[in-house]
Amino acid sequence: MTTTVARPLICVRALNLTDQLTRLATTAGVDVDVANDPTAARPLWTTARIVIVGADVATEYAAARLPHRSGLILVADERAIPSDAPIIWQIAAELDSEYVTFVPTAEAWLIQSLAASPR
């Protein structure tokens, strides 16, 4: 019997952030699913090994009322949104994210998180 293992889910629309996150997943040695809207993400949301949501779509995902899940990671490009910007922390609260990270500074941590996510 073959079992299918859910892949990490990256929820992002901005091309630059999509490129950064998929590059990190490749470095971590994992294949990912990419969803650019909550409708596409919904079927994968609760079963994905890890979920990373880009700041560019986080408000939209929060409004979609997807089920709560542990380990949710909010990622922002620090060149677009500085870590001390109040808006990122407001978005994190709306999304109920457990972690807030900024690329490129947190790239090593994201690679480790992707690589260590249950397989």
PDB file of N, CA and C in Angstrom:
ATOM      1  N   MET A   1       0.836  -1.175   0.000  1.00  0.00           N
ATOM      2  CA  MET A   1       0.000   0.000   0.000  1.00  0.00           C
ATOM      3  C   MET A   1       0.885   1.245   0.000  1.00  0.00           C
ATOM      4  N   THR A   2       0.601   2.175  -0.863  1.00  0.00           N
ATOM      5  CA  THR A   2       1.354   3.414  -0.950  1.00  0.00           C
ATOM      6  C   THR A   2       0.623   4.503  -0.189  1.00  0.00           C
ATOM      7  N   THR A   3       1.374   5.225   0.619  1.00  0.00           N
ATOM      8  CA  THR A   3       0.773   6.347   1.330  1.00  0.00           C
ATOM      9  C   THR A   3       1.308   7.636   0.737  1.00  0.00           C
ATOM     10  N   THR A   4       0.439   8.601   0.637  1.00  0.00           N
ATOM     11  CA  THR A   4       0.827   9.905   0.118  1.00  0.00           C
ATOM     12  C   THR A   4       1.142  10.816   1.291  1.00  0.00           C
ATOM     13  N   VAL A   5       2.301  11.411   1.245  1.00  0.00           N
ATOM     14  CA  VAL A   5       2.711  12.333   2.296  1.00  0.00           C
ATOM     15  C   VAL A   5       2.446  13.750   1.815  1.00  0.00           C
ATOM     16  N   ALA A   6       1.737  14.499   2.617  1.00  0.00           N
ATOM     17  CA  ALA A   6       1.423  15.884   2.254  1.00  0.00           C
ATOM     18  C   ALA A   6       2.705  16.709   2.227  1.00  0.00           C
ATOM     19  N   ARG A   7       2.788  17.570   1.253  1.00  0.00           N
ATOM     20  CA  ARG A   7       3.952  18.439   1.113  1.00  0.00           C
ATOM     21  C   ARG A   7       3.712  19.747   1.855  1.00  0.00           C
ATOM     22  N   PRO A   8       4.775  20.508   2.096  1.00  0.00           N
ATOM     23  CA  PRO A   8       4.598  21.848   2.644  1.00  0.00           C
ATOM     24  C   PRO A   8       3.772  22.690   1.679  1.00  0.00           C
ATOM     25  N   LEU A   9       3.032  23.627   2.227  1.00  0.00           N
ATOM     26  CA  LEU A   9       2.187  24.518   1.432  1.00  0.00           C
ATOM     27  C   LEU A   9       2.709  25.942   1.564  1.00  0.00           C
ATOM     28  N   ILE A  10       2.971  26.560   0.430  1.00  0.00           N
ATOM     29  CA  ILE A  10       3.397  27.957   0.389  1.00  0.00           C
ATOM     30  C   ILE A  10       2.267  28.760  -0.233  1.00  0.00           C
ATOM     31  N   CYS A  11       1.767  29.720   0.529  1.00  0.00           N
ATOM     32  CA  CYS A  11       0.647  30.559   0.093  1.00  0.00           C
ATOM     33  C   CYS A  11       1.184  31.960  -0.160  1.00  0.00           C
ATOM     34  N   VAL A  12       1.291  32.301  -1.427  1.00  0.00           N
ATOM     35  CA  VAL A  12       1.927  33.563  -1.795  1.00  0.00           C
ATOM     36  C   VAL A  12       1.507  33.928  -3.216  1.00  0.00           C
ATOM     37  N   ARG A  13       1.506  35.194  -3.519  1.00  0.00           N
ATOM     38  CA  ARG A  13       1.169  35.650  -4.864  1.00  0.00           C
ATOM     39  C   ARG A  13       2.305  36.466  -5.487  1.00  0.00           C
ATOM     40  N   ALA A  14       3.021  37.239  -4.702  1.00  0.00           N
ATOM     41  CA  ALA A  14       4.104  38.079  -5.213  1.00  0.00           C
ATOM     42  C   ALA A  14       5.199  37.200  -5.817  1.00  0.00           C
ATOM     43  N   LEU A  15       5.541  37.487  -7.057  1.00  0.00           N
ATOM     44  CA  LEU A  15       6.513  36.648  -7.765  1.00  0.00           C
ATOM     45  C   LEU A  15       7.862  36.596  -7.072  1.00  0.00           C
ATOM     46  N   ASN A  16       8.344  37.709  -6.580  1.00  0.00           N
ATOM     47  CA  ASN A  16       9.638  37.738  -5.909  1.00  0.00           C
ATOM     48  C   ASN A  16       9.634  36.839  -4.667  1.00  0.00           C
ATOM     49  N   LEU A  17       8.589  36.943  -3.871  1.00  0.00           N
ATOM     50  CA  LEU A  17       8.493  36.129  -2.661  1.00  0.00           C
ATOM     51  C   LEU A  17       8.277  34.653  -3.022  1.00  0.00           C
ATOM     52  N   THR A  18       7.502  34.390  -4.058  1.00  0.00           N
ATOM     53  CA  THR A  18       7.321  33.015  -4.527  1.00  0.00           C
ATOM     54  C   THR A  18       8.669  32.418  -4.912  1.00  0.00           C
ATOM     55  N   ASP A  19       9.443  33.162  -5.668  1.00  0.00           N
ATOM     56  CA  ASP A  19      10.767  32.684  -6.084  1.00  0.00           C
ATOM     57  C   ASP A  19      11.673  32.422  -4.875  1.00  0.00           C
ATOM     58  N   GLN A  20      11.661  33.339  -3.920  1.00  0.00           N
ATOM     59  CA  GLN A  20      12.504  33.174  -2.732  1.00  0.00           C
ATOM     60  C   GLN A  20      12.119  31.911  -1.959  1.00  0.00           C
ATOM     61  N   LEU A  21      10.811  31.725  -1.735  1.00  0.00           N
ATOM     62  CA  LEU A  21      10.365  30.604  -0.919  1.00  0.00           C
ATOM     63  C   LEU A  21      10.535  29.260  -1.615  1.00  0.00           C
ATOM     64  N   THR A  22      10.292  29.211  -2.914  1.00  0.00           N
ATOM     65  CA  THR A  22      10.493  27.939  -3.619  1.00  0.00           C
ATOM     66  C   THR A  22      11.984  27.607  -3.709  1.00  0.00           C
ATOM     67  N   ARG A  23      12.830  28.613  -3.817  1.00  0.00           N
ATOM     68  CA  ARG A  23      14.279  28.385  -3.788  1.00  0.00           C
ATOM     69  C   ARG A  23      14.705  27.806  -2.444  1.00  0.00           C
ATOM     70  N   LEU A  24      14.143  28.324  -1.365  1.00  0.00           N
ATOM     71  CA  LEU A  24      14.468  27.810  -0.034  1.00  0.00           C
ATOM     72  C   LEU A  24      14.002  26.367   0.123  1.00  0.00           C
ATOM     73  N   ALA A  25      12.833  26.054  -0.421  1.00  0.00           N
ATOM     74  CA  ALA A  25      12.331  24.678  -0.357  1.00  0.00           C
ATOM     75  C   ALA A  25      13.254  23.740  -1.133  1.00  0.00           C
ATOM     76  N   THR A  26      13.712  24.183  -2.289  1.00  0.00           N
ATOM     77  CA  THR A  26      14.648  23.378  -3.071  1.00  0.00           C
ATOM     78  C   THR A  26      15.935  23.144  -2.286  1.00  0.00           C
ATOM     79  N   THR A  27      16.432  24.175  -1.638  1.00  0.00           N
ATOM     80  CA  THR A  27      17.628  24.052  -0.811  1.00  0.00           C
ATOM     81  C   THR A  27      17.397  23.069   0.339  1.00  0.00           C
ATOM     82  N   ALA A  28      16.182  23.067   0.878  1.00  0.00           N
ATOM     83  CA  ALA A  28      15.835  22.153   1.969  1.00  0.00           C
ATOM     84  C   ALA A  28      15.605  20.731   1.467  1.00  0.00           C
ATOM     85  N   GLY A  29      15.502  20.581   0.147  1.00  0.00           N
ATOM     86  CA  GLY A  29      15.302  19.256  -0.429  1.00  0.00           C
ATOM     87  C   GLY A  29      13.871  18.765  -0.375  1.00  0.00           C
ATOM     88  N   VAL A  30      12.917  19.695  -0.387  1.00  0.00           N
ATOM     89  CA  VAL A  30      11.504  19.304  -0.333  1.00  0.00           C
ATOM     90  C   VAL A  30      10.729  19.889  -1.508  1.00  0.00           C
ATOM     91  N   ASP A  31       9.758  19.121  -1.973  1.00  0.00           N
ATOM     92  CA  ASP A  31       8.812  19.622  -2.961  1.00  0.00           C
ATOM     93  C   ASP A  31       7.690  20.306  -2.207  1.00  0.00           C
ATOM     94  N   VAL A  32       7.121  21.344  -2.781  1.00  0.00           N
ATOM     95  CA  VAL A  32       6.056  22.106  -2.120  1.00  0.00           C
ATOM     96  C   VAL A  32       4.863  22.267  -3.050  1.00  0.00           C
ATOM     97  N   ASP A  33       3.727  22.534  -2.446  1.00  0.00           N
ATOM     98  CA  ASP A  33       2.551  22.994  -3.176  1.00  0.00           C
ATOM     99  C   ASP A  33       2.504  24.502  -2.998  1.00  0.00           C
ATOM    100  N   VAL A  34       2.126  25.211  -4.055  1.00  0.00           N
ATOM    101  CA  VAL A  34       2.016  26.666  -3.996  1.00  0.00           C
ATOM    102  C   VAL A  34       0.577  27.044  -4.321  1.00  0.00           C
ATOM    103  N   ALA A  35      -0.026  27.850  -3.454  1.00  0.00           N
ATOM    104  CA  ALA A  35      -1.390  28.347  -3.669  1.00  0.00           C
ATOM    105  C   ALA A  35      -1.339  29.868  -3.639  1.00  0.00           C
ATOM    106  N   ASN A  36      -2.000  30.501  -4.600  1.00  0.00           N
ATOM    107  CA  ASN A  36      -1.972  31.961  -4.601  1.00  0.00           C
ATOM    108  C   ASN A  36      -3.277  32.582  -4.121  1.00  0.00           C
ATOM    109  N   ASP A  37      -4.212  31.749  -3.657  1.00  0.00           N
ATOM    110  CA  ASP A  37      -5.425  32.285  -3.044  1.00  0.00           C
ATOM    111  C   ASP A  37      -5.993  31.247  -2.076  1.00  0.00           C
ATOM    112  N   PRO A  38      -6.833  31.677  -1.139  1.00  0.00           N
ATOM    113  CA  PRO A  38      -7.366  30.764  -0.134  1.00  0.00           C
ATOM    114  C   PRO A  38      -8.184  29.602  -0.707  1.00  0.00           C
ATOM    115  N   THR A  39      -8.864  29.825  -1.827  1.00  0.00           N
ATOM    116  CA  THR A  39      -9.650  28.751  -2.429  1.00  0.00           C
ATOM    117  C   THR A  39      -8.739  27.609  -2.859  1.00  0.00           C
ATOM    118  N   ALA A  40      -7.616  27.940  -3.456  1.00  0.00           N
ATOM    119  CA  ALA A  40      -6.656  26.913  -3.872  1.00  0.00           C
ATOM    120  C   ALA A  40      -5.988  26.248  -2.670  1.00  0.00           C
ATOM    121  N   ALA A  41      -5.800  26.991  -1.603  1.00  0.00           N
ATOM    122  CA  ALA A  41      -5.121  26.460  -0.423  1.00  0.00           C
ATOM    123  C   ALA A  41      -6.015  25.589   0.452  1.00  0.00           C
ATOM    124  N   ARG A  42      -7.311  25.865   0.468  1.00  0.00           N
ATOM    125  CA  ARG A  42      -8.226  25.205   1.408  1.00  0.00           C
ATOM    126  C   ARG A  42      -8.098  23.679   1.453  1.00  0.00           C
ATOM    127  N   PRO A  43      -8.073  22.973   0.296  1.00  0.00           N
ATOM    128  CA  PRO A  43      -8.002  21.508   0.375  1.00  0.00           C
ATOM    129  C   PRO A  43      -6.683  20.980   0.957  1.00  0.00           C
ATOM    130  N   LEU A  44      -5.652  21.807   0.955  1.00  0.00           N
ATOM    131  CA  LEU A  44      -4.336  21.378   1.433  1.00  0.00           C
ATOM    132  C   LEU A  44      -4.008  21.915   2.821  1.00  0.00           C
ATOM    133  N   TRP A  45      -4.768  22.873   3.276  1.00  0.00           N
ATOM    134  CA  TRP A  45      -4.467  23.660   4.479  1.00  0.00           C
ATOM    135  C   TRP A  45      -4.229  22.808   5.715  1.00  0.00           C
ATOM    136  N   THR A  46      -5.117  21.885   6.016  1.00  0.00           N
ATOM    137  CA  THR A  46      -4.999  21.124   7.265  1.00  0.00           C
ATOM    138  C   THR A  46      -4.081  19.917   7.145  1.00  0.00           C
ATOM    139  N   THR A  47      -3.808  19.468   5.930  1.00  0.00           N
ATOM    140  CA  THR A  47      -2.979  18.276   5.768  1.00  0.00           C
ATOM    141  C   THR A  47      -1.530  18.579   5.399  1.00  0.00           C
ATOM    142  N   ALA A  48      -1.249  19.816   5.012  1.00  0.00           N
ATOM    143  CA  ALA A  48       0.127  20.174   4.645  1.00  0.00           C
ATOM    144  C   ALA A  48       1.055  19.975   5.827  1.00  0.00           C
ATOM    145  N   ARG A  49       2.282  19.535   5.538  1.00  0.00           N
ATOM    146  CA  ARG A  49       3.265  19.317   6.608  1.00  0.00           C
ATOM    147  C   ARG A  49       3.598  20.602   7.341  1.00  0.00           C
ATOM    148  N   ILE A  50       3.635  21.681   6.602  1.00  0.00           N
ATOM    149  CA  ILE A  50       3.947  22.999   7.147  1.00  0.00           C
ATOM    150  C   ILE A  50       3.279  24.012   6.216  1.00  0.00           C
ATOM    151  N   VAL A  51       2.812  25.119   6.752  1.00  0.00           N
ATOM    152  CA  VAL A  51       2.184  26.154   5.925  1.00  0.00           C
ATOM    153  C   VAL A  51       2.923  27.469   6.137  1.00  0.00           C
ATOM    154  N   ILE A  52       3.326  28.048   5.007  1.00  0.00           N
ATOM    155  CA  ILE A  52       3.991  29.344   5.005  1.00  0.00           C
ATOM    156  C   ILE A  52       3.107  30.300   4.209  1.00  0.00           C
ATOM    157  N   VAL A  53       2.742  31.415   4.831  1.00  0.00           N
ATOM    158  CA  VAL A  53       1.889  32.407   4.169  1.00  0.00           C
ATOM    159  C   VAL A  53       2.688  33.689   3.983  1.00  0.00           C
ATOM    160  N   GLY A  54       2.694  34.183   2.758  1.00  0.00           N
ATOM    161  CA  GLY A  54       3.367  35.444   2.466  1.00  0.00           C
ATOM    162  C   GLY A  54       2.557  36.620   2.970  1.00  0.00           C
ATOM    163  N   ALA A  55       3.256  37.659   3.403  1.00  0.00           N
ATOM    164  CA  ALA A  55       2.577  38.848   3.905  1.00  0.00           C
ATOM    165  C   ALA A  55       1.703  39.485   2.829  1.00  0.00           C
ATOM    166  N   ASP A  56       2.035  39.243   1.571  1.00  0.00           N
ATOM    167  CA  ASP A  56       1.273  39.839   0.472  1.00  0.00           C
ATOM    168  C   ASP A  56      -0.154  39.312   0.387  1.00  0.00           C
ATOM    169  N   VAL A  57      -0.416  38.123   0.923  1.00  0.00           N
ATOM    170  CA  VAL A  57      -1.765  37.537   0.858  1.00  0.00           C
ATOM    171  C   VAL A  57      -2.344  37.228   2.233  1.00  0.00           C
ATOM    172  N   ALA A  58      -1.628  37.549   3.287  1.00  0.00           N
ATOM    173  CA  ALA A  58      -2.027  37.142   4.639  1.00  0.00           C
ATOM    174  C   ALA A  58      -3.387  37.690   5.056  1.00  0.00           C
ATOM    175  N   THR A  59      -3.688  38.934   4.751  1.00  0.00           N
ATOM    176  CA  THR A  59      -4.990  39.498   5.125  1.00  0.00           C
ATOM    177  C   THR A  59      -6.119  38.754   4.418  1.00  0.00           C
ATOM    178  N   GLU A  60      -5.903  38.434   3.167  1.00  0.00           N
ATOM    179  CA  GLU A  60      -6.883  37.678   2.388  1.00  0.00           C
ATOM    180  C   GLU A  60      -7.111  36.285   2.996  1.00  0.00           C
ATOM    181  N   TYR A  61      -6.041  35.637   3.425  1.00  0.00           N
ATOM    182  CA  TYR A  61      -6.162  34.314   4.051  1.00  0.00           C
ATOM    183  C   TYR A  61      -6.856  34.408   5.407  1.00  0.00           C
ATOM    184  N   ALA A  62      -6.560  35.435   6.169  1.00  0.00           N
ATOM    185  CA  ALA A  62      -7.227  35.626   7.463  1.00  0.00           C
ATOM    186  C   ALA A  62      -8.724  35.820   7.259  1.00  0.00           C
ATOM    187  N   ALA A  63      -9.104  36.599   6.256  1.00  0.00           N
ATOM    188  CA  ALA A  63     -10.520  36.851   5.974  1.00  0.00           C
ATOM    189  C   ALA A  63     -11.241  35.589   5.499  1.00  0.00           C
ATOM    190  N   ALA A  64     -10.517  34.651   4.929  1.00  0.00           N
ATOM    191  CA  ALA A  64     -11.125  33.415   4.419  1.00  0.00           C
ATOM    192  C   ALA A  64     -11.508  32.452   5.538  1.00  0.00           C
ATOM    193  N   ARG A  65     -11.055  32.739   6.745  1.00  0.00           N
ATOM    194  CA  ARG A  65     -11.401  31.925   7.916  1.00  0.00           C
ATOM    195  C   ARG A  65     -11.040  30.454   7.712  1.00  0.00           C
ATOM    196  N   LEU A  66      -9.837  30.210   7.239  1.00  0.00           N
ATOM    197  CA  LEU A  66      -9.355  28.838   7.141  1.00  0.00           C
ATOM    198  C   LEU A  66      -9.182  28.296   8.551  1.00  0.00           C
ATOM    199  N   PRO A  67      -9.281  26.985   8.730  1.00  0.00           N
ATOM    200  CA  PRO A  67      -9.182  26.424  10.081  1.00  0.00           C
ATOM    201  C   PRO A  67      -7.844  26.762  10.749  1.00  0.00           C
ATOM    202  N   HIS A  68      -7.892  26.911  12.062  1.00  0.00           N
ATOM    203  CA  HIS A  68      -6.657  27.153  12.813  1.00  0.00           C
ATOM    204  C   HIS A  68      -5.727  25.958  12.635  1.00  0.00           C
ATOM    205  N   ARG A  69      -4.463  26.224  12.522  1.00  0.00           N
ATOM    206  CA  ARG A  69      -3.481  25.142  12.491  1.00  0.00           C
ATOM    207  C   ARG A  69      -2.228  25.604  13.207  1.00  0.00           C
ATOM    208  N   SER A  70      -1.559  24.662  13.826  1.00  0.00           N
ATOM    209  CA  SER A  70      -0.344  25.014  14.558  1.00  0.00           C
ATOM    210  C   SER A  70       0.822  25.179  13.590  1.00  0.00           C
ATOM    211  N   GLY A  71       1.808  25.913  14.027  1.00  0.00           N
ATOM    212  CA  GLY A  71       3.027  26.074  13.268  1.00  0.00           C
ATOM    213  C   GLY A  71       2.949  26.965  12.056  1.00  0.00           C
ATOM    214  N   LEU A  72       1.897  27.716  11.912  1.00  0.00           N
ATOM    215  CA  LEU A  72       1.735  28.589  10.749  1.00  0.00           C
ATOM    216  C   LEU A  72       2.828  29.663  10.749  1.00  0.00           C
ATOM    217  N   ILE A  73       3.458  29.852   9.589  1.00  0.00           N
ATOM    218  CA  ILE A  73       4.564  30.800   9.467  1.00  0.00           C
ATOM    219  C   ILE A  73       4.155  31.932   8.524  1.00  0.00           C
ATOM    220  N   LEU A  74       4.241  33.147   9.007  1.00  0.00           N
ATOM    221  CA  LEU A  74       4.023  34.336   8.181  1.00  0.00           C
ATOM    222  C   LEU A  74       5.397  34.832   7.736  1.00  0.00           C
ATOM    223  N   VAL A  75       5.556  35.047   6.421  1.00  0.00           N
ATOM    224  CA  VAL A  75       6.843  35.484   5.883  1.00  0.00           C
ATOM    225  C   VAL A  75       6.672  36.802   5.143  1.00  0.00           C
ATOM    226  N   ALA A  76       7.559  37.731   5.432  1.00  0.00           N
ATOM    227  CA  ALA A  76       7.582  39.016   4.727  1.00  0.00           C
ATOM    228  C   ALA A  76       8.975  39.255   4.173  1.00  0.00           C
ATOM    229  N   ASP A  77       9.026  39.925   3.064  1.00  0.00           N
ATOM    230  CA  ASP A  77      10.306  40.352   2.514  1.00  0.00           C
ATOM    231  C   ASP A  77      10.677  41.642   3.248  1.00  0.00           C
ATOM    232  N   GLU A  78      11.754  41.586   4.001  1.00  0.00           N
ATOM    233  CA  GLU A  78      12.120  42.735   4.834  1.00  0.00           C
ATOM    234  C   GLU A  78      12.523  43.958   4.019  1.00  0.00           C
ATOM    235  N   ARG A  79      12.756  43.782   2.731  1.00  0.00           N
ATOM    236  CA  ARG A  79      13.050  44.935   1.877  1.00  0.00           C
ATOM    237  C   ARG A  79      11.762  45.690   1.547  1.00  0.00           C
ATOM    238  N   ALA A  80      10.616  45.013   1.693  1.00  0.00           N
ATOM    239  CA  ALA A  80       9.323  45.653   1.428  1.00  0.00           C
ATOM    240  C   ALA A  80       8.607  46.041   2.724  1.00  0.00           C
ATOM    241  N   ILE A  81       8.750  45.210   3.745  1.00  0.00           N
ATOM    242  CA  ILE A  81       8.096  45.461   5.033  1.00  0.00           C
ATOM    243  C   ILE A  81       9.133  45.276   6.134  1.00  0.00           C
ATOM    244  N   PRO A  82       9.555  46.345   6.783  1.00  0.00           N
ATOM    245  CA  PRO A  82      10.544  46.199   7.851  1.00  0.00           C
ATOM    246  C   PRO A  82       9.960  45.475   9.066  1.00  0.00           C
ATOM    247  N   SER A  83      10.823  44.800   9.805  1.00  0.00           N
ATOM    248  CA  SER A  83      10.362  43.996  10.937  1.00  0.00           C
ATOM    249  C   SER A  83       9.714  44.812  12.047  1.00  0.00           C
ATOM    250  N   ASP A  84       9.968  46.104  12.082  1.00  0.00           N
ATOM    251  CA  ASP A  84       9.347  46.937  13.118  1.00  0.00           C
ATOM    252  C   ASP A  84       8.062  47.626  12.648  1.00  0.00           C
ATOM    253  N   ALA A  85       7.598  47.256  11.462  1.00  0.00           N
ATOM    254  CA  ALA A  85       6.355  47.849  10.947  1.00  0.00           C
ATOM    255  C   ALA A  85       5.158  47.260  11.692  1.00  0.00           C
ATOM    256  N   PRO A  86       4.343  48.088  12.329  1.00  0.00           N
ATOM    257  CA  PRO A  86       3.198  47.573  13.085  1.00  0.00           C
ATOM    258  C   PRO A  86       2.250  46.719  12.239  1.00  0.00           C
ATOM    259  N   ILE A  87       2.142  47.004  10.961  1.00  0.00           N
ATOM    260  CA  ILE A  87       1.195  46.275  10.121  1.00  0.00           C
ATOM    261  C   ILE A  87       1.500  44.779  10.072  1.00  0.00           C
ATOM    262  N   ILE A  88       2.762  44.401  10.084  1.00  0.00           N
ATOM    263  CA  ILE A  88       3.100  42.972   9.993  1.00  0.00           C
ATOM    264  C   ILE A  88       2.634  42.232  11.240  1.00  0.00           C
ATOM    265  N   TRP A  89       2.716  42.874  12.366  1.00  0.00           N
ATOM    266  CA  TRP A  89       2.300  42.230  13.613  1.00  0.00           C
ATOM    267  C   TRP A  89       0.771  42.185  13.700  1.00  0.00           C
ATOM    268  N   GLN A  90       0.101  43.181  13.154  1.00  0.00           N
ATOM    269  CA  GLN A  90      -1.365  43.156  13.080  1.00  0.00           C
ATOM    270  C   GLN A  90      -1.813  42.018  12.171  1.00  0.00           C
ATOM    271  N   ILE A  91      -1.166  41.876  11.017  1.00  0.00           N
ATOM    272  CA  ILE A  91      -1.494  40.793  10.089  1.00  0.00           C
ATOM    273  C   ILE A  91      -1.239  39.435  10.735  1.00  0.00           C
ATOM    274  N   ALA A  92      -0.140  39.315  11.461  1.00  0.00           N
ATOM    275  CA  ALA A  92       0.182  38.058  12.145  1.00  0.00           C
ATOM    276  C   ALA A  92      -0.920  37.681  13.134  1.00  0.00           C
ATOM    277  N   ALA A  93      -1.435  38.668  13.864  1.00  0.00           N
ATOM    278  CA  ALA A  93      -2.512  38.404  14.826  1.00  0.00           C
ATOM    279  C   ALA A  93      -3.797  37.999  14.102  1.00  0.00           C
ATOM    280  N   GLU A  94      -4.117  38.674  13.000  1.00  0.00           N
ATOM    281  CA  GLU A  94      -5.317  38.337  12.234  1.00  0.00           C
ATOM    282  C   GLU A  94      -5.240  36.922  11.663  1.00  0.00           C
ATOM    283  N   LEU A  95      -4.065  36.541  11.229  1.00  0.00           N
ATOM    284  CA  LEU A  95      -3.865  35.221  10.631  1.00  0.00           C
ATOM    285  C   LEU A  95      -3.696  34.140  11.688  1.00  0.00           C
ATOM    286  N   ASP A  96      -3.402  34.538  12.910  1.00  0.00           N
ATOM    287  CA  ASP A  96      -3.119  33.620  14.009  1.00  0.00           C
ATOM    288  C   ASP A  96      -1.868  32.795  13.722  1.00  0.00           C
ATOM    289  N   SER A  97      -0.850  33.478  13.171  1.00  0.00           N
ATOM    290  CA  SER A  97       0.393  32.782  12.856  1.00  0.00           C
ATOM    291  C   SER A  97       1.214  32.578  14.125  1.00  0.00           C
ATOM    292  N   GLU A  98       1.900  31.459  14.147  1.00  0.00           N
ATOM    293  CA  GLU A  98       2.735  31.127  15.298  1.00  0.00           C
ATOM    294  C   GLU A  98       4.113  31.765  15.178  1.00  0.00           C
ATOM    295  N   TYR A  99       4.563  31.926  13.946  1.00  0.00           N
ATOM    296  CA  TYR A  99       5.883  32.498  13.688  1.00  0.00           C
ATOM    297  C   TYR A  99       5.773  33.628  12.674  1.00  0.00           C
ATOM    298  N   VAL A 100       6.626  34.628  12.832  1.00  0.00           N
ATOM    299  CA  VAL A 100       6.747  35.711  11.856  1.00  0.00           C
ATOM    300  C   VAL A 100       8.218  35.772  11.479  1.00  0.00           C
ATOM    301  N   THR A 101       8.487  35.656  10.179  1.00  0.00           N
ATOM    302  CA  THR A 101       9.867  35.668   9.725  1.00  0.00           C
ATOM    303  C   THR A 101      10.035  36.667   8.598  1.00  0.00           C
ATOM    304  N   PHE A 102      11.268  37.058   8.394  1.00  0.00           N
ATOM    305  CA  PHE A 102      11.592  38.029   7.356  1.00  0.00           C
ATOM    306  C   PHE A 102      12.734  37.479   6.511  1.00  0.00           C
ATOM    307  N   VAL A 103      12.523  37.507   5.200  1.00  0.00           N
ATOM    308  CA  VAL A 103      13.589  37.097   4.294  1.00  0.00           C
ATOM    309  C   VAL A 103      14.227  38.349   3.717  1.00  0.00           C
ATOM    310  N   PRO A 104      15.499  38.347   3.519  1.00  0.00           N
ATOM    311  CA  PRO A 104      16.382  37.197   3.522  1.00  0.00           C
ATOM    312  C   PRO A 104      16.987  36.819   4.882  1.00  0.00           C
ATOM    313  N   THR A 105      16.812  37.621   5.921  1.00  0.00           N
ATOM    314  CA  THR A 105      17.461  37.341   7.203  1.00  0.00           C
ATOM    315  C   THR A 105      17.153  35.947   7.742  1.00  0.00           C
ATOM    316  N   ALA A 106      15.917  35.493   7.651  1.00  0.00           N
ATOM    317  CA  ALA A 106      15.505  34.213   8.252  1.00  0.00           C
ATOM    318  C   ALA A 106      15.575  33.035   7.287  1.00  0.00           C
ATOM    319  N   GLU A 107      16.301  33.178   6.196  1.00  0.00           N
ATOM    320  CA  GLU A 107      16.349  32.094   5.212  1.00  0.00           C
ATOM    321  C   GLU A 107      16.850  30.790   5.811  1.00  0.00           C
ATOM    322  N   ALA A 108      17.895  30.833   6.614  1.00  0.00           N
ATOM    323  CA  ALA A 108      18.440  29.601   7.206  1.00  0.00           C
ATOM    324  C   ALA A 108      17.396  28.925   8.101  1.00  0.00           C
ATOM    325  N   TRP A 109      16.685  29.719   8.884  1.00  0.00           N
ATOM    326  CA  TRP A 109      15.640  29.156   9.760  1.00  0.00           C
ATOM    327  C   TRP A 109      14.520  28.533   8.931  1.00  0.00           C
ATOM    328  N   LEU A 110      14.111  29.188   7.861  1.00  0.00           N
ATOM    329  CA  LEU A 110      13.060  28.640   7.000  1.00  0.00           C
ATOM    330  C   LEU A 110      13.509  27.339   6.336  1.00  0.00           C
ATOM    331  N   ILE A 111      14.751  27.286   5.886  1.00  0.00           N
ATOM    332  CA  ILE A 111      15.272  26.051   5.293  1.00  0.00           C
ATOM    333  C   ILE A 111      15.231  24.923   6.322  1.00  0.00           C
ATOM    334  N   GLN A 112      15.656  25.194   7.539  1.00  0.00           N
ATOM    335  CA  GLN A 112      15.626  24.188   8.601  1.00  0.00           C
ATOM    336  C   GLN A 112      14.199  23.757   8.904  1.00  0.00           C
ATOM    337  N   SER A 113      13.280  24.706   8.956  1.00  0.00           N
ATOM    338  CA  SER A 113      11.875  24.379   9.236  1.00  0.00           C
ATOM    339  C   SER A 113      11.288  23.518   8.141  1.00  0.00           C
ATOM    340  N   LEU A 114      11.569  23.839   6.894  1.00  0.00           N
ATOM    341  CA  LEU A 114      11.076  23.025   5.781  1.00  0.00           C
ATOM    342  C   LEU A 114      11.685  21.631   5.798  1.00  0.00           C
ATOM    343  N   ALA A 115      12.983  21.562   6.038  1.00  0.00           N
ATOM    344  CA  ALA A 115      13.665  20.267   6.041  1.00  0.00           C
ATOM    345  C   ALA A 115      13.232  19.393   7.221  1.00  0.00           C
ATOM    346  N   ALA A 116      12.920  20.030   8.354  1.00  0.00           N
ATOM    347  CA  ALA A 116      12.554  19.279   9.551  1.00  0.00           C
ATOM    348  C   ALA A 116      11.082  18.957   9.651  1.00  0.00           C
ATOM    349  N   SER A 117      10.263  19.520   8.757  1.00  0.00           N
ATOM    350  CA  SER A 117       8.825  19.269   8.845  1.00  0.00           C
ATOM    351  C   SER A 117       8.584  17.774   8.665  1.00  0.00           C
ATOM    352  N   PRO A 118       7.630  17.203   9.415  1.00  0.00           N
ATOM    353  CA  PRO A 118       7.376  15.763   9.340  1.00  0.00           C
ATOM    354  C   PRO A 118       7.161  15.300   7.911  1.00  0.00           C
ATOM    355  N   ARG A 119       7.752  14.182   7.595  1.00  0.00           N
ATOM    356  CA  ARG A 119       7.656  13.642   6.230  1.00  0.00           C
ATOM    357  C   ARG A 119       6.737  12.472   6.178  1.00  0.00           C
TER     358      ARG A 119
END
